[in-house]
Amino acid sequence: MGPQPAASKHIRVSEKRQITIPKRFFEQLGIEESLICELRGDEIVLRPAPTDEDFSEDILKDLLQEGYEGDQLLTEFQKRKAQIRPAVETLIAEADQAAQQFTGTGDEETESLFGDVRE
């Protein structure tokens, strides 16, 4: 079974810069809670975000590079893994607070962040 042929559909962008993903695309990709949005040249690419990311592999790589072994490795791994959820919850709370205080369209902020990407 080879690669599936590309599918495309013309969709409308709302005044708030929002789009609706066609149901067929949504279901075919198995989109759950979130997407990764990438800017590639003059294209925006959306793909399903990993849902099972728990950073275990990243944590283990760091710990091994730091020289942890045996019981110390296990203890430090458990400690660092337990710190992930509170850190993510703090980031979400900070983002929510910033969004509530935000006024305007966001165009100036977008330009300051991505203006150098334009050609």
N, C-alpha and C. Protein backbone atom coordinates (compact mmCIF):
# COMPACT_ATOMS: atom_id res chain seq x y z
N MET A 1 0.84 -1.17 0.00
CA MET A 1 0.00 0.00 0.00
C MET A 1 0.89 1.24 0.00
N GLY A 2 0.87 2.03 -1.06
CA GLY A 2 1.71 3.21 -1.20
C GLY A 2 1.12 4.41 -0.50
N PRO A 3 1.78 5.56 -0.65
CA PRO A 3 1.28 6.77 -0.03
C PRO A 3 -0.08 7.16 -0.61
N GLN A 4 -0.91 7.74 0.25
CA GLN A 4 -2.23 8.17 -0.20
C GLN A 4 -2.09 9.44 -1.04
N PRO A 5 -2.97 9.60 -2.03
CA PRO A 5 -2.91 10.82 -2.83
C PRO A 5 -3.23 12.03 -1.96
N ALA A 6 -2.64 13.17 -2.30
CA ALA A 6 -2.87 14.39 -1.55
C ALA A 6 -4.33 14.80 -1.67
N ALA A 7 -4.87 15.34 -0.60
CA ALA A 7 -6.24 15.84 -0.60
C ALA A 7 -6.19 17.32 -0.24
N SER A 8 -7.04 18.10 -0.86
CA SER A 8 -7.09 19.52 -0.52
C SER A 8 -8.52 20.00 -0.55
N LYS A 9 -8.77 21.06 0.16
CA LYS A 9 -10.10 21.66 0.20
C LYS A 9 -9.94 23.13 0.50
N HIS A 10 -10.67 23.95 -0.21
CA HIS A 10 -10.66 25.40 0.03
C HIS A 10 -11.50 25.68 1.27
N ILE A 11 -10.91 26.33 2.27
CA ILE A 11 -11.65 26.66 3.49
C ILE A 11 -11.56 28.15 3.77
N ARG A 12 -12.55 28.65 4.49
CA ARG A 12 -12.64 30.08 4.78
C ARG A 12 -11.90 30.39 6.09
N VAL A 13 -11.30 31.56 6.14
CA VAL A 13 -10.66 32.05 7.35
C VAL A 13 -11.57 33.13 7.94
N SER A 14 -11.93 33.00 9.20
CA SER A 14 -12.84 33.96 9.84
C SER A 14 -12.12 35.28 10.10
N GLU A 15 -12.88 36.27 10.51
CA GLU A 15 -12.30 37.57 10.85
C GLU A 15 -11.32 37.45 12.02
N LYS A 16 -11.49 36.43 12.83
CA LYS A 16 -10.59 36.20 13.97
C LYS A 16 -9.44 35.26 13.60
N ARG A 17 -9.21 35.05 12.31
CA ARG A 17 -8.15 34.20 11.77
C ARG A 17 -8.33 32.73 12.15
N GLN A 18 -9.56 32.29 12.31
CA GLN A 18 -9.84 30.90 12.67
C GLN A 18 -10.28 30.13 11.43
N ILE A 19 -10.00 28.83 11.45
CA ILE A 19 -10.42 27.95 10.35
C ILE A 19 -11.15 26.75 10.94
N THR A 20 -11.92 26.07 10.10
CA THR A 20 -12.56 24.82 10.49
C THR A 20 -11.92 23.71 9.67
N ILE A 21 -11.39 22.72 10.35
CA ILE A 21 -10.77 21.59 9.67
C ILE A 21 -11.88 20.68 9.15
N PRO A 22 -11.86 20.34 7.88
CA PRO A 22 -12.90 19.44 7.36
C PRO A 22 -12.95 18.14 8.17
N LYS A 23 -14.16 17.67 8.43
CA LYS A 23 -14.37 16.48 9.25
C LYS A 23 -13.59 15.28 8.72
N ARG A 24 -13.59 15.12 7.41
CA ARG A 24 -12.89 13.98 6.81
C ARG A 24 -11.39 14.03 7.14
N PHE A 25 -10.79 15.21 7.06
CA PHE A 25 -9.36 15.36 7.38
C PHE A 25 -9.14 15.09 8.87
N PHE A 26 -10.01 15.67 9.70
CA PHE A 26 -9.91 15.53 11.15
C PHE A 26 -9.92 14.06 11.55
N GLU A 27 -10.87 13.32 11.00
CA GLU A 27 -11.00 11.91 11.34
C GLU A 27 -9.87 11.07 10.75
N GLN A 28 -9.50 11.36 9.52
CA GLN A 28 -8.45 10.57 8.86
C GLN A 28 -7.12 10.70 9.59
N LEU A 29 -6.83 11.87 10.13
CA LEU A 29 -5.57 12.09 10.84
C LEU A 29 -5.64 11.69 12.30
N GLY A 30 -6.83 11.40 12.80
CA GLY A 30 -6.96 11.02 14.20
C GLY A 30 -6.63 12.15 15.14
N ILE A 31 -7.01 13.37 14.77
CA ILE A 31 -6.72 14.54 15.60
C ILE A 31 -7.50 14.41 16.90
N GLU A 32 -6.82 14.68 18.01
CA GLU A 32 -7.48 14.58 19.31
C GLU A 32 -7.64 15.96 19.95
N GLU A 33 -6.64 16.42 20.68
CA GLU A 33 -6.79 17.65 21.44
C GLU A 33 -6.08 18.85 20.82
N SER A 34 -4.99 18.61 20.12
CA SER A 34 -4.23 19.76 19.64
C SER A 34 -3.45 19.41 18.38
N LEU A 35 -2.95 20.46 17.74
CA LEU A 35 -2.17 20.33 16.51
C LEU A 35 -0.84 21.03 16.68
N ILE A 36 0.13 20.62 15.90
CA ILE A 36 1.39 21.34 15.76
C ILE A 36 1.22 22.20 14.51
N CYS A 37 1.52 23.48 14.62
CA CYS A 37 1.41 24.40 13.49
C CYS A 37 2.81 24.84 13.10
N GLU A 38 3.20 24.59 11.85
CA GLU A 38 4.53 24.95 11.36
C GLU A 38 4.41 25.89 10.18
N LEU A 39 5.30 26.85 10.11
CA LEU A 39 5.40 27.72 8.95
C LEU A 39 6.55 27.20 8.11
N ARG A 40 6.24 26.75 6.89
CA ARG A 40 7.25 26.21 5.96
C ARG A 40 7.21 27.05 4.69
N GLY A 41 8.15 27.98 4.60
CA GLY A 41 8.15 28.86 3.44
C GLY A 41 6.87 29.67 3.41
N ASP A 42 6.09 29.49 2.34
CA ASP A 42 4.82 30.22 2.23
C ASP A 42 3.62 29.33 2.54
N GLU A 43 3.84 28.28 3.33
CA GLU A 43 2.77 27.35 3.69
C GLU A 43 2.66 27.22 5.21
N ILE A 44 1.44 26.99 5.66
CA ILE A 44 1.20 26.63 7.05
C ILE A 44 0.87 25.14 7.05
N VAL A 45 1.60 24.37 7.84
CA VAL A 45 1.38 22.93 7.91
C VAL A 45 0.85 22.59 9.30
N LEU A 46 -0.29 21.91 9.33
CA LEU A 46 -0.89 21.46 10.59
C LEU A 46 -0.77 19.95 10.67
N ARG A 47 -0.35 19.44 11.83
CA ARG A 47 -0.29 17.99 12.00
C ARG A 47 -0.67 17.67 13.44
N PRO A 48 -1.22 16.48 13.66
CA PRO A 48 -1.63 16.12 15.02
C PRO A 48 -0.45 16.19 15.99
N ALA A 49 -0.71 16.75 17.15
CA ALA A 49 0.32 16.79 18.20
C ALA A 49 0.35 15.44 18.89
N PRO A 50 1.53 15.00 19.27
CA PRO A 50 1.60 13.73 20.00
C PRO A 50 0.80 13.83 21.30
N THR A 51 0.02 12.82 21.60
CA THR A 51 -0.80 12.86 22.81
C THR A 51 -0.17 12.11 23.97
N ASP A 52 0.82 11.28 23.69
CA ASP A 52 1.40 10.48 24.76
C ASP A 52 2.78 10.99 25.16
N GLU A 53 3.07 12.23 24.85
CA GLU A 53 4.39 12.79 25.17
C GLU A 53 4.50 12.98 26.68
N ASP A 54 5.37 12.24 27.29
CA ASP A 54 5.58 12.41 28.73
C ASP A 54 7.03 12.77 29.04
N PHE A 55 7.81 12.99 28.01
CA PHE A 55 9.19 13.46 28.13
C PHE A 55 10.13 12.43 28.77
N SER A 56 9.69 11.20 28.94
CA SER A 56 10.53 10.18 29.58
C SER A 56 11.85 9.99 28.86
N GLU A 57 11.78 9.89 27.54
CA GLU A 57 13.01 9.66 26.77
C GLU A 57 13.97 10.83 26.93
N ASP A 58 13.44 12.06 26.88
CA ASP A 58 14.29 13.25 27.04
C ASP A 58 14.91 13.29 28.43
N ILE A 59 14.12 12.98 29.43
CA ILE A 59 14.63 12.97 30.81
C ILE A 59 15.75 11.94 30.96
N LEU A 60 15.52 10.74 30.44
CA LEU A 60 16.53 9.69 30.55
C LEU A 60 17.82 10.06 29.83
N LYS A 61 17.71 10.65 28.64
CA LYS A 61 18.92 11.08 27.91
C LYS A 61 19.71 12.07 28.74
N ASP A 62 19.01 13.06 29.31
CA ASP A 62 19.69 14.06 30.14
C ASP A 62 20.37 13.42 31.34
N LEU A 63 19.66 12.54 32.01
CA LEU A 63 20.22 11.90 33.21
C LEU A 63 21.44 11.05 32.88
N LEU A 64 21.38 10.32 31.77
CA LEU A 64 22.54 9.52 31.37
C LEU A 64 23.72 10.41 31.02
N GLN A 65 23.47 11.53 30.35
CA GLN A 65 24.55 12.47 30.02
C GLN A 65 25.13 13.08 31.29
N GLU A 66 24.30 13.22 32.32
CA GLU A 66 24.77 13.78 33.59
C GLU A 66 25.46 12.73 34.45
N GLY A 67 25.50 11.49 33.98
CA GLY A 67 26.26 10.46 34.68
C GLY A 67 25.49 9.63 35.69
N TYR A 68 24.19 9.76 35.74
CA TYR A 68 23.40 8.96 36.69
C TYR A 68 23.39 7.50 36.28
N GLU A 69 23.42 6.61 37.28
CA GLU A 69 23.39 5.16 37.04
C GLU A 69 22.59 4.49 38.15
N GLY A 70 22.15 3.28 37.88
CA GLY A 70 21.53 2.43 38.90
C GLY A 70 20.39 3.09 39.65
N ASP A 71 20.41 2.92 40.97
CA ASP A 71 19.34 3.44 41.81
C ASP A 71 19.24 4.97 41.75
N GLN A 72 20.39 5.64 41.62
CA GLN A 72 20.37 7.10 41.51
C GLN A 72 19.64 7.54 40.25
N LEU A 73 19.84 6.79 39.17
CA LEU A 73 19.16 7.10 37.91
C LEU A 73 17.65 7.00 38.10
N LEU A 74 17.20 5.92 38.71
CA LEU A 74 15.77 5.72 38.92
C LEU A 74 15.19 6.81 39.83
N THR A 75 15.87 7.11 40.92
CA THR A 75 15.38 8.12 41.86
C THR A 75 15.27 9.49 41.20
N GLU A 76 16.31 9.89 40.49
CA GLU A 76 16.31 11.21 39.84
C GLU A 76 15.29 11.25 38.71
N PHE A 77 15.13 10.15 37.98
CA PHE A 77 14.12 10.08 36.91
C PHE A 77 12.73 10.32 37.49
N GLN A 78 12.40 9.62 38.57
CA GLN A 78 11.08 9.78 39.19
C GLN A 78 10.87 11.21 39.68
N LYS A 79 11.91 11.80 40.24
CA LYS A 79 11.82 13.17 40.75
C LYS A 79 11.54 14.15 39.60
N ARG A 80 12.29 14.04 38.52
CA ARG A 80 12.12 14.97 37.40
C ARG A 80 10.81 14.76 36.67
N LYS A 81 10.41 13.51 36.54
CA LYS A 81 9.14 13.24 35.85
C LYS A 81 7.97 13.82 36.64
N ALA A 82 8.05 13.77 37.96
CA ALA A 82 7.00 14.33 38.81
C ALA A 82 6.90 15.85 38.69
N GLN A 83 7.97 16.49 38.22
CA GLN A 83 7.98 17.95 38.09
C GLN A 83 7.33 18.43 36.79
N ILE A 84 7.08 17.54 35.85
CA ILE A 84 6.56 17.94 34.55
C ILE A 84 5.15 18.51 34.65
N ARG A 85 4.22 17.77 35.25
CA ARG A 85 2.83 18.22 35.30
C ARG A 85 2.70 19.59 35.97
N PRO A 86 3.30 19.82 37.15
CA PRO A 86 3.19 21.16 37.75
C PRO A 86 3.77 22.26 36.85
N ALA A 87 4.85 21.95 36.15
CA ALA A 87 5.45 22.95 35.26
C ALA A 87 4.51 23.28 34.10
N VAL A 88 3.90 22.26 33.52
CA VAL A 88 2.96 22.48 32.41
C VAL A 88 1.74 23.23 32.90
N GLU A 89 1.23 22.88 34.07
CA GLU A 89 0.07 23.57 34.62
C GLU A 89 0.38 25.04 34.88
N THR A 90 1.58 25.35 35.33
CA THR A 90 1.99 26.73 35.53
C THR A 90 2.04 27.48 34.21
N LEU A 91 2.61 26.85 33.18
CA LEU A 91 2.66 27.48 31.86
C LEU A 91 1.26 27.76 31.32
N ILE A 92 0.35 26.82 31.49
CA ILE A 92 -1.02 27.01 31.02
C ILE A 92 -1.69 28.15 31.77
N ALA A 93 -1.51 28.20 33.08
CA ALA A 93 -2.11 29.27 33.88
C ALA A 93 -1.55 30.63 33.47
N GLU A 94 -0.25 30.71 33.22
CA GLU A 94 0.36 31.96 32.78
C GLU A 94 -0.16 32.38 31.41
N ALA A 95 -0.33 31.41 30.51
CA ALA A 95 -0.86 31.72 29.18
C ALA A 95 -2.31 32.18 29.27
N ASP A 96 -3.11 31.55 30.12
CA ASP A 96 -4.50 31.97 30.31
C ASP A 96 -4.56 33.39 30.85
N GLN A 97 -3.72 33.70 31.82
CA GLN A 97 -3.71 35.04 32.40
C GLN A 97 -3.29 36.07 31.36
N ALA A 98 -2.28 35.76 30.58
CA ALA A 98 -1.84 36.68 29.53
C ALA A 98 -2.94 36.89 28.49
N ALA A 99 -3.65 35.82 28.14
CA ALA A 99 -4.73 35.93 27.15
C ALA A 99 -5.87 36.79 27.68
N GLN A 100 -6.18 36.68 28.96
CA GLN A 100 -7.26 37.47 29.55
C GLN A 100 -6.90 38.95 29.59
N GLN A 101 -5.63 39.27 29.73
CA GLN A 101 -5.20 40.66 29.81
C GLN A 101 -4.91 41.26 28.44
N PHE A 102 -4.92 40.44 27.41
CA PHE A 102 -4.56 40.88 26.07
C PHE A 102 -5.66 41.71 25.45
N THR A 103 -5.27 42.78 24.80
CA THR A 103 -6.22 43.59 24.02
C THR A 103 -5.64 43.78 22.63
N GLY A 104 -6.50 44.00 21.67
CA GLY A 104 -6.04 44.22 20.30
C GLY A 104 -6.22 42.98 19.45
N THR A 105 -5.62 43.04 18.26
CA THR A 105 -5.78 41.95 17.30
C THR A 105 -4.64 40.95 17.35
N GLY A 106 -3.50 41.36 17.88
CA GLY A 106 -2.33 40.49 17.90
C GLY A 106 -1.45 40.65 16.68
N ASP A 107 -1.87 41.52 15.74
CA ASP A 107 -1.09 41.70 14.52
C ASP A 107 0.31 42.24 14.79
N GLU A 108 0.43 43.20 15.70
CA GLU A 108 1.75 43.77 16.01
C GLU A 108 2.65 42.72 16.63
N GLU A 109 2.10 41.92 17.53
CA GLU A 109 2.89 40.88 18.18
C GLU A 109 3.33 39.83 17.16
N THR A 110 2.42 39.47 16.25
CA THR A 110 2.75 38.50 15.22
C THR A 110 3.86 39.03 14.33
N GLU A 111 3.76 40.29 13.96
CA GLU A 111 4.79 40.91 13.11
C GLU A 111 6.14 40.91 13.83
N SER A 112 6.14 41.23 15.13
CA SER A 112 7.41 41.27 15.85
C SER A 112 8.02 39.88 15.98
N LEU A 113 7.18 38.84 16.07
CA LEU A 113 7.69 37.48 16.20
C LEU A 113 8.10 36.87 14.87
N PHE A 114 7.30 37.11 13.82
CA PHE A 114 7.49 36.40 12.56
C PHE A 114 7.81 37.31 11.38
N GLY A 115 7.99 38.60 11.62
CA GLY A 115 8.24 39.53 10.53
C GLY A 115 9.48 39.21 9.73
N ASP A 116 10.51 38.68 10.36
CA ASP A 116 11.75 38.37 9.65
C ASP A 116 11.63 37.11 8.81
N VAL A 117 10.55 36.35 8.96
CA VAL A 117 10.36 35.12 8.20
C VAL A 117 9.83 35.43 6.81
N ARG A 118 9.13 36.55 6.70
CA ARG A 118 8.55 36.93 5.42
C ARG A 118 9.64 37.25 4.41
N GLU A 119 9.33 36.96 3.15
CA GLU A 119 10.31 37.25 2.09
C GLU A 119 9.77 38.31 1.18
